Amino acid sequence: MKVIQAESWRYGAMGSLGNAAYMLMAQFDFPYEYDPNVDGYTCADHDRLLQRDFDRTRLAFKKFTNNGELGFGQWAQGVFKEDLMECIKALLQADTLIDWTGCRVLGTVNRSNGYPVWTLELFANKSGVEVYTGPQAPNVKGSGARMTNMGLWSE
C-alpha cells in the first residue's frame, strides 16, 4: 500500500491565504510503500483530535511545543526525530506495545477558515521496507525542497 504523496514545501503555502494540501513539514524513517498486513501505521488530523478530546489534545501540544498547535509545523521542522515521535505518539494516543520507527507531519490549509490542519502519521517498520528522512524521497512530489543545516525547509 502506498502512503499519501506529500507536496514539497513551498514558502507561504501554510499561511492563512495559502493553498498547501498535504505539504511535507517533517519526516523521519517513513515509507512510500508498506505492507499493511505486516507493518504498523496510524494517522489522524489534529483538528479531529481536538474534536474528540479538546483539553487533552491542547495540553499535549503545549507540553511538547510550549506554544500550541498553530506553530506546530515550524516546531516539527526543527526538532529531532525522538522529540517529534514522542509528540505524535502522545497526540495520537498510539499503541504503546507497538515499536513505532518512523513519523511524518503534513500540513494543509483549511480553505474555509485559513487555519492549518496537521496530518500526524506514525509507522512501524516490521517488513524492512525502504524508509526516507527529509524531502528527497519518492513519497514527496517534486524535488525543489531541501533541508538546511539549521533543520529548516527551504526552496
N, C-alpha and C. Protein backbone atom coordinates (compact mmCIF):
# COMPACT_ATOMS: atom_id res chain seq x y z
N MET A 1 0.84 -1.16 0.00
CA MET A 1 0.00 0.00 0.00
C MET A 1 0.89 1.24 0.00
N LYS A 2 0.50 2.25 -0.77
CA LYS A 2 1.26 3.50 -0.83
C LYS A 2 0.67 4.51 0.15
N VAL A 3 1.55 5.34 0.71
CA VAL A 3 1.11 6.43 1.57
C VAL A 3 0.72 7.61 0.69
N ILE A 4 0.07 8.60 1.30
CA ILE A 4 -0.25 9.83 0.58
C ILE A 4 1.06 10.47 0.13
N GLN A 5 1.13 10.84 -1.13
CA GLN A 5 2.33 11.52 -1.60
C GLN A 5 2.25 12.98 -1.20
N ALA A 6 3.21 13.43 -0.42
CA ALA A 6 3.22 14.79 0.11
C ALA A 6 3.63 15.79 -0.95
N GLU A 7 3.20 17.03 -0.76
CA GLU A 7 3.70 18.14 -1.57
C GLU A 7 5.07 18.55 -1.05
N SER A 8 5.91 19.05 -1.93
CA SER A 8 7.15 19.67 -1.49
C SER A 8 6.82 20.96 -0.74
N TRP A 9 7.70 21.33 0.19
CA TRP A 9 7.50 22.55 0.96
C TRP A 9 7.58 23.76 0.04
N ARG A 10 6.66 24.71 0.23
CA ARG A 10 6.65 25.96 -0.53
C ARG A 10 6.50 27.13 0.44
N TYR A 11 7.32 28.13 0.28
CA TYR A 11 7.26 29.31 1.14
C TYR A 11 5.87 29.95 1.06
N GLY A 12 5.28 30.25 2.21
CA GLY A 12 4.00 30.95 2.28
C GLY A 12 2.78 30.08 2.06
N ALA A 13 2.95 28.83 1.69
CA ALA A 13 1.81 27.98 1.37
C ALA A 13 0.98 27.59 2.59
N MET A 14 1.56 27.71 3.80
CA MET A 14 0.81 27.38 5.01
C MET A 14 0.21 28.62 5.67
N GLY A 15 0.34 29.78 5.06
CA GLY A 15 -0.26 30.99 5.60
C GLY A 15 -1.77 30.95 5.47
N SER A 16 -2.45 31.87 6.11
CA SER A 16 -3.92 31.85 6.12
C SER A 16 -4.53 31.96 4.73
N LEU A 17 -3.79 32.53 3.78
CA LEU A 17 -4.27 32.60 2.40
C LEU A 17 -3.55 31.59 1.51
N GLY A 18 -2.80 30.69 2.13
CA GLY A 18 -2.04 29.68 1.38
C GLY A 18 -2.92 28.57 0.83
N ASN A 19 -2.29 27.72 0.03
CA ASN A 19 -3.04 26.64 -0.62
C ASN A 19 -2.38 25.27 -0.43
N ALA A 20 -1.65 25.11 0.66
CA ALA A 20 -0.99 23.83 0.92
C ALA A 20 -2.02 22.72 1.09
N ALA A 21 -1.71 21.57 0.53
CA ALA A 21 -2.55 20.38 0.69
C ALA A 21 -1.61 19.19 0.89
N TYR A 22 -1.49 18.73 2.12
CA TYR A 22 -0.58 17.63 2.49
C TYR A 22 0.86 17.99 2.17
N MET A 23 1.27 19.19 2.54
CA MET A 23 2.64 19.65 2.33
C MET A 23 3.54 19.07 3.41
N LEU A 24 4.69 18.56 3.01
CA LEU A 24 5.61 17.95 3.95
C LEU A 24 6.22 18.99 4.88
N MET A 25 6.05 18.75 6.18
CA MET A 25 6.67 19.59 7.18
C MET A 25 7.90 18.88 7.74
N ALA A 26 7.79 17.59 7.98
CA ALA A 26 8.91 16.80 8.50
C ALA A 26 8.61 15.33 8.31
N GLN A 27 9.67 14.55 8.08
CA GLN A 27 9.51 13.09 8.08
C GLN A 27 10.83 12.44 8.46
N PHE A 28 10.69 11.37 9.21
CA PHE A 28 11.82 10.57 9.65
C PHE A 28 11.48 9.10 9.46
N ASP A 29 12.32 8.39 8.74
CA ASP A 29 12.18 6.94 8.56
C ASP A 29 10.75 6.55 8.19
N PHE A 30 10.24 7.18 7.14
CA PHE A 30 8.86 6.97 6.71
C PHE A 30 8.85 6.36 5.31
N PRO A 31 7.96 5.42 5.02
CA PRO A 31 7.98 4.71 3.74
C PRO A 31 7.21 5.44 2.64
N TYR A 32 7.34 4.95 1.44
CA TYR A 32 6.45 5.31 0.33
C TYR A 32 5.42 4.19 0.17
N GLU A 33 5.89 2.96 0.28
CA GLU A 33 5.01 1.80 0.23
C GLU A 33 5.29 0.93 1.43
N TYR A 34 4.25 0.26 1.92
CA TYR A 34 4.41 -0.63 3.06
C TYR A 34 3.39 -1.76 2.97
N ASP A 35 3.58 -2.78 3.78
CA ASP A 35 2.68 -3.94 3.81
C ASP A 35 1.74 -3.79 5.00
N PRO A 36 0.47 -3.46 4.77
CA PRO A 36 -0.46 -3.24 5.88
C PRO A 36 -0.73 -4.50 6.71
N ASN A 37 -0.40 -5.66 6.17
CA ASN A 37 -0.58 -6.91 6.91
C ASN A 37 0.58 -7.20 7.85
N VAL A 38 1.70 -6.47 7.67
CA VAL A 38 2.89 -6.71 8.48
C VAL A 38 3.28 -5.45 9.27
N ASP A 39 3.37 -4.33 8.56
CA ASP A 39 3.83 -3.08 9.16
C ASP A 39 2.69 -2.41 9.94
N GLY A 40 3.07 -1.56 10.88
CA GLY A 40 2.09 -0.78 11.62
C GLY A 40 2.00 0.63 11.06
N TYR A 41 0.79 1.17 11.07
CA TYR A 41 0.57 2.53 10.57
C TYR A 41 -0.65 3.11 11.29
N THR A 42 -0.53 4.36 11.70
CA THR A 42 -1.69 5.08 12.24
C THR A 42 -1.56 6.54 11.85
N CYS A 43 -2.70 7.21 11.75
CA CYS A 43 -2.73 8.57 11.23
C CYS A 43 -3.99 9.27 11.73
N ALA A 44 -3.90 10.58 11.95
CA ALA A 44 -5.07 11.40 12.24
C ALA A 44 -4.73 12.86 11.98
N ASP A 45 -5.74 13.63 11.63
CA ASP A 45 -5.59 15.07 11.50
C ASP A 45 -5.81 15.70 12.87
N HIS A 46 -5.02 16.71 13.19
CA HIS A 46 -5.08 17.28 14.54
C HIS A 46 -6.43 17.92 14.84
N ASP A 47 -7.12 18.44 13.82
CA ASP A 47 -8.43 19.06 14.09
C ASP A 47 -9.45 18.02 14.56
N ARG A 48 -9.31 16.79 14.07
CA ARG A 48 -10.20 15.70 14.53
C ARG A 48 -9.86 15.31 15.97
N LEU A 49 -8.57 15.34 16.30
CA LEU A 49 -8.17 15.04 17.67
C LEU A 49 -8.72 16.09 18.63
N LEU A 50 -8.71 17.35 18.20
CA LEU A 50 -9.29 18.41 19.02
C LEU A 50 -10.79 18.21 19.21
N GLN A 51 -11.47 17.75 18.17
CA GLN A 51 -12.91 17.48 18.30
C GLN A 51 -13.19 16.35 19.29
N ARG A 52 -12.35 15.32 19.25
CA ARG A 52 -12.56 14.16 20.14
C ARG A 52 -12.28 14.49 21.60
N ASP A 53 -11.17 15.19 21.86
CA ASP A 53 -10.78 15.49 23.23
C ASP A 53 -9.97 16.78 23.23
N PHE A 54 -10.67 17.88 23.24
CA PHE A 54 -10.06 19.20 23.10
C PHE A 54 -8.99 19.46 24.17
N ASP A 55 -9.35 19.29 25.44
CA ASP A 55 -8.42 19.63 26.52
C ASP A 55 -7.15 18.78 26.48
N ARG A 56 -7.29 17.47 26.30
CA ARG A 56 -6.13 16.58 26.28
C ARG A 56 -5.23 16.92 25.10
N THR A 57 -5.81 17.17 23.92
CA THR A 57 -5.02 17.48 22.73
C THR A 57 -4.29 18.80 22.88
N ARG A 58 -4.96 19.83 23.37
CA ARG A 58 -4.31 21.14 23.58
C ARG A 58 -3.17 21.03 24.58
N LEU A 59 -3.38 20.28 25.66
CA LEU A 59 -2.32 20.10 26.65
C LEU A 59 -1.12 19.37 26.07
N ALA A 60 -1.37 18.37 25.22
CA ALA A 60 -0.27 17.63 24.60
C ALA A 60 0.53 18.55 23.68
N PHE A 61 -0.14 19.36 22.87
CA PHE A 61 0.58 20.30 22.01
C PHE A 61 1.42 21.25 22.86
N LYS A 62 0.82 21.81 23.90
CA LYS A 62 1.54 22.76 24.75
C LYS A 62 2.73 22.11 25.45
N LYS A 63 2.56 20.88 25.92
CA LYS A 63 3.64 20.17 26.60
C LYS A 63 4.88 20.03 25.71
N PHE A 64 4.66 19.67 24.45
CA PHE A 64 5.80 19.40 23.57
C PHE A 64 6.33 20.64 22.87
N THR A 65 5.45 21.55 22.47
CA THR A 65 5.89 22.69 21.67
C THR A 65 6.06 23.97 22.49
N ASN A 66 5.53 23.99 23.71
CA ASN A 66 5.49 25.19 24.55
C ASN A 66 4.72 26.32 23.89
N ASN A 67 3.92 25.99 22.87
CA ASN A 67 3.27 27.04 22.10
C ASN A 67 1.83 26.68 21.75
N GLY A 68 1.56 25.50 21.33
CA GLY A 68 0.23 25.13 20.87
C GLY A 68 0.28 24.62 19.46
N GLU A 69 -0.90 24.40 18.89
CA GLU A 69 -0.94 23.74 17.58
C GLU A 69 -0.70 24.67 16.39
N LEU A 70 -0.92 25.97 16.54
CA LEU A 70 -0.76 26.85 15.39
C LEU A 70 0.68 26.90 14.89
N GLY A 71 1.65 26.88 15.78
CA GLY A 71 3.06 26.89 15.39
C GLY A 71 3.67 25.51 15.28
N PHE A 72 2.85 24.48 15.26
CA PHE A 72 3.36 23.11 15.29
C PHE A 72 4.22 22.77 14.08
N GLY A 73 3.83 23.22 12.89
CA GLY A 73 4.59 22.89 11.68
C GLY A 73 6.02 23.39 11.74
N GLN A 74 6.19 24.63 12.18
CA GLN A 74 7.54 25.18 12.30
C GLN A 74 8.32 24.44 13.38
N TRP A 75 7.66 24.13 14.49
CA TRP A 75 8.32 23.37 15.56
C TRP A 75 8.78 22.02 15.02
N ALA A 76 7.92 21.33 14.28
CA ALA A 76 8.23 20.00 13.76
C ALA A 76 9.43 20.02 12.83
N GLN A 77 9.62 21.12 12.11
CA GLN A 77 10.74 21.22 11.17
C GLN A 77 12.09 21.32 11.86
N GLY A 78 12.11 21.74 13.11
CA GLY A 78 13.38 21.99 13.76
C GLY A 78 13.73 21.06 14.90
N VAL A 79 12.96 19.98 15.09
CA VAL A 79 13.23 19.10 16.23
C VAL A 79 13.86 17.78 15.78
N PHE A 80 14.41 17.09 16.75
CA PHE A 80 14.97 15.76 16.50
C PHE A 80 13.86 14.73 16.35
N LYS A 81 14.18 13.65 15.67
CA LYS A 81 13.21 12.58 15.44
C LYS A 81 12.55 12.12 16.73
N GLU A 82 13.33 11.89 17.76
CA GLU A 82 12.79 11.35 19.01
C GLU A 82 11.75 12.28 19.62
N ASP A 83 11.99 13.60 19.56
CA ASP A 83 11.05 14.56 20.11
C ASP A 83 9.75 14.59 19.31
N LEU A 84 9.87 14.56 17.98
CA LEU A 84 8.69 14.55 17.13
C LEU A 84 7.89 13.26 17.33
N MET A 85 8.59 12.14 17.40
CA MET A 85 7.92 10.85 17.61
C MET A 85 7.14 10.85 18.92
N GLU A 86 7.76 11.32 19.99
CA GLU A 86 7.08 11.33 21.29
C GLU A 86 5.84 12.21 21.26
N CYS A 87 5.94 13.34 20.61
CA CYS A 87 4.80 14.25 20.49
C CYS A 87 3.66 13.59 19.71
N ILE A 88 3.97 13.03 18.56
CA ILE A 88 2.93 12.41 17.74
C ILE A 88 2.31 11.22 18.45
N LYS A 89 3.13 10.42 19.12
CA LYS A 89 2.59 9.29 19.88
C LYS A 89 1.62 9.76 20.95
N ALA A 90 1.97 10.83 21.64
CA ALA A 90 1.09 11.37 22.68
C ALA A 90 -0.21 11.91 22.07
N LEU A 91 -0.09 12.66 20.98
CA LEU A 91 -1.28 13.23 20.35
C LEU A 91 -2.23 12.16 19.83
N LEU A 92 -1.66 11.13 19.20
CA LEU A 92 -2.49 10.06 18.62
C LEU A 92 -2.90 9.02 19.65
N GLN A 93 -2.36 9.13 20.86
CA GLN A 93 -2.56 8.10 21.88
C GLN A 93 -2.25 6.73 21.26
N ALA A 94 -1.08 6.67 20.65
CA ALA A 94 -0.65 5.49 19.90
C ALA A 94 -0.45 4.29 20.83
N ASP A 95 -0.67 3.12 20.27
CA ASP A 95 -0.49 1.87 21.00
C ASP A 95 0.95 1.78 21.50
N THR A 96 1.13 1.68 22.79
CA THR A 96 2.48 1.66 23.38
C THR A 96 3.15 0.30 23.22
N LEU A 97 2.42 -0.71 22.80
CA LEU A 97 3.01 -2.03 22.58
C LEU A 97 3.66 -2.15 21.20
N ILE A 98 3.41 -1.17 20.35
CA ILE A 98 3.99 -1.16 19.00
C ILE A 98 5.29 -0.37 19.03
N ASP A 99 6.32 -0.90 18.40
CA ASP A 99 7.61 -0.22 18.29
C ASP A 99 7.56 0.71 17.07
N TRP A 100 7.09 1.92 17.28
CA TRP A 100 6.99 2.89 16.19
C TRP A 100 8.40 3.32 15.78
N THR A 101 8.70 3.27 14.49
CA THR A 101 10.05 3.54 14.00
C THR A 101 10.16 4.80 13.15
N GLY A 102 9.04 5.33 12.67
CA GLY A 102 9.07 6.50 11.81
C GLY A 102 7.85 7.37 11.99
N CYS A 103 7.97 8.61 11.51
CA CYS A 103 6.85 9.55 11.64
C CYS A 103 6.90 10.57 10.52
N ARG A 104 5.76 11.24 10.36
CA ARG A 104 5.67 12.28 9.33
C ARG A 104 4.59 13.28 9.73
N VAL A 105 4.81 14.54 9.39
CA VAL A 105 3.83 15.60 9.60
C VAL A 105 3.59 16.28 8.26
N LEU A 106 2.33 16.37 7.87
CA LEU A 106 1.92 17.06 6.65
C LEU A 106 1.04 18.24 7.04
N GLY A 107 1.10 19.32 6.27
CA GLY A 107 0.28 20.50 6.55
C GLY A 107 -0.67 20.81 5.43
N THR A 108 -1.89 21.16 5.79
CA THR A 108 -2.92 21.57 4.84
C THR A 108 -3.58 22.82 5.38
N VAL A 109 -3.89 23.79 4.52
CA VAL A 109 -4.63 24.97 4.93
C VAL A 109 -6.11 24.68 4.75
N ASN A 110 -6.87 24.84 5.84
CA ASN A 110 -8.32 24.69 5.78
C ASN A 110 -8.86 25.86 4.97
N ARG A 111 -9.43 25.59 3.82
CA ARG A 111 -9.87 26.64 2.90
C ARG A 111 -11.01 27.49 3.47
N SER A 112 -11.78 26.94 4.41
CA SER A 112 -12.92 27.69 4.94
C SER A 112 -12.53 28.71 5.99
N ASN A 113 -11.41 28.48 6.71
CA ASN A 113 -11.06 29.43 7.77
C ASN A 113 -9.59 29.86 7.78
N GLY A 114 -8.76 29.30 6.92
CA GLY A 114 -7.36 29.69 6.82
C GLY A 114 -6.45 29.09 7.88
N TYR A 115 -6.98 28.26 8.77
CA TYR A 115 -6.15 27.65 9.81
C TYR A 115 -5.43 26.40 9.28
N PRO A 116 -4.27 26.10 9.85
CA PRO A 116 -3.56 24.89 9.44
C PRO A 116 -4.21 23.64 10.01
N VAL A 117 -4.11 22.57 9.24
CA VAL A 117 -4.50 21.24 9.71
C VAL A 117 -3.26 20.37 9.58
N TRP A 118 -2.85 19.77 10.69
CA TRP A 118 -1.65 18.93 10.70
C TRP A 118 -2.05 17.47 10.62
N THR A 119 -1.56 16.78 9.60
CA THR A 119 -1.76 15.34 9.49
C THR A 119 -0.58 14.67 10.18
N LEU A 120 -0.87 13.88 11.19
CA LEU A 120 0.14 13.23 12.02
C LEU A 120 0.16 11.75 11.70
N GLU A 121 1.34 11.22 11.35
CA GLU A 121 1.45 9.82 10.95
C GLU A 121 2.58 9.13 11.71
N LEU A 122 2.33 7.88 12.09
CA LEU A 122 3.35 7.02 12.69
C LEU A 122 3.47 5.75 11.87
N PHE A 123 4.68 5.20 11.85
CA PHE A 123 4.94 3.99 11.08
C PHE A 123 5.80 3.04 11.90
N ALA A 124 5.48 1.75 11.83
CA ALA A 124 6.27 0.70 12.48
C ALA A 124 6.77 -0.23 11.40
N ASN A 125 8.07 -0.18 11.13
CA ASN A 125 8.67 -0.95 10.03
C ASN A 125 9.01 -2.36 10.51
N LYS A 126 8.10 -3.28 10.23
CA LYS A 126 8.31 -4.68 10.61
C LYS A 126 8.72 -5.53 9.42
N SER A 127 8.45 -5.03 8.20
CA SER A 127 8.75 -5.80 7.00
C SER A 127 10.11 -5.46 6.39
N GLY A 128 10.74 -4.40 6.88
CA GLY A 128 12.03 -4.00 6.33
C GLY A 128 11.93 -3.17 5.07
N VAL A 129 10.78 -2.53 4.82
CA VAL A 129 10.64 -1.70 3.62
C VAL A 129 11.59 -0.51 3.69
N GLU A 130 11.89 0.05 2.53
CA GLU A 130 12.76 1.21 2.47
C GLU A 130 12.03 2.42 3.07
N VAL A 131 12.74 3.20 3.87
CA VAL A 131 12.17 4.38 4.50
C VAL A 131 13.03 5.60 4.18
N TYR A 132 12.45 6.78 4.39
CA TYR A 132 13.09 8.02 3.98
C TYR A 132 13.00 9.07 5.08
N THR A 133 14.02 9.90 5.15
CA THR A 133 14.05 11.03 6.06
C THR A 133 14.27 12.28 5.21
N GLY A 134 13.47 13.31 5.46
CA GLY A 134 13.60 14.55 4.70
C GLY A 134 12.80 14.54 3.42
N PRO A 135 12.93 15.61 2.64
CA PRO A 135 12.07 15.81 1.48
C PRO A 135 12.51 15.11 0.19
N GLN A 136 13.74 14.65 0.13
CA GLN A 136 14.21 13.98 -1.09
C GLN A 136 13.82 12.52 -1.04
N ALA A 137 12.57 12.23 -1.39
CA ALA A 137 12.03 10.88 -1.25
C ALA A 137 10.91 10.68 -2.26
N PRO A 138 10.64 9.44 -2.66
CA PRO A 138 9.55 9.19 -3.61
C PRO A 138 8.16 9.46 -3.02
N ASN A 139 8.06 9.60 -1.70
CA ASN A 139 6.76 9.92 -1.12
C ASN A 139 6.50 11.42 -1.06
N VAL A 140 7.35 12.21 -1.76
CA VAL A 140 7.20 13.66 -1.84
C VAL A 140 7.21 14.07 -3.31
N LYS A 141 6.17 14.79 -3.74
CA LYS A 141 6.10 15.28 -5.12
C LYS A 141 7.14 16.37 -5.33
N GLY A 142 7.80 16.35 -6.47
CA GLY A 142 8.77 17.39 -6.80
C GLY A 142 10.05 17.24 -6.03
N SER A 143 11.04 18.01 -6.39
CA SER A 143 12.34 17.91 -5.72
C SER A 143 12.92 19.27 -5.39
N GLY A 144 12.07 20.32 -5.31
CA GLY A 144 12.57 21.67 -5.06
C GLY A 144 12.93 21.92 -3.61
N ALA A 145 12.39 21.16 -2.68
CA ALA A 145 12.66 21.42 -1.26
C ALA A 145 13.91 20.67 -0.81
N ARG A 146 14.55 21.22 0.19
CA ARG A 146 15.69 20.53 0.78
C ARG A 146 15.78 20.94 2.25
N MET A 147 16.57 20.23 3.00
CA MET A 147 16.77 20.54 4.41
C MET A 147 18.01 21.41 4.54
N THR A 148 17.90 22.51 5.28
CA THR A 148 19.08 23.34 5.50
C THR A 148 19.85 22.78 6.68
N ASN A 149 21.03 23.32 6.92
CA ASN A 149 21.84 22.85 8.02
C ASN A 149 21.27 23.25 9.38
N MET A 150 20.27 24.12 9.40
CA MET A 150 19.64 24.53 10.66
C MET A 150 18.38 23.73 10.92
N GLY A 151 18.06 22.77 10.05
CA GLY A 151 16.87 21.96 10.26
C GLY A 151 15.60 22.59 9.75
N LEU A 152 15.69 23.62 8.91
CA LEU A 152 14.50 24.27 8.36
C LEU A 152 14.40 23.98 6.88
N TRP A 153 13.19 23.92 6.38
CA TRP A 153 12.97 23.66 4.96
C TRP A 153 13.21 24.93 4.16
N SER A 154 13.73 24.77 2.97
CA SER A 154 13.89 25.93 2.09
C SER A 154 13.72 25.46 0.65
N GLU A 155 13.58 26.42 -0.25
CA GLU A 155 13.45 26.08 -1.66
C GLU A 155 14.81 26.08 -2.32
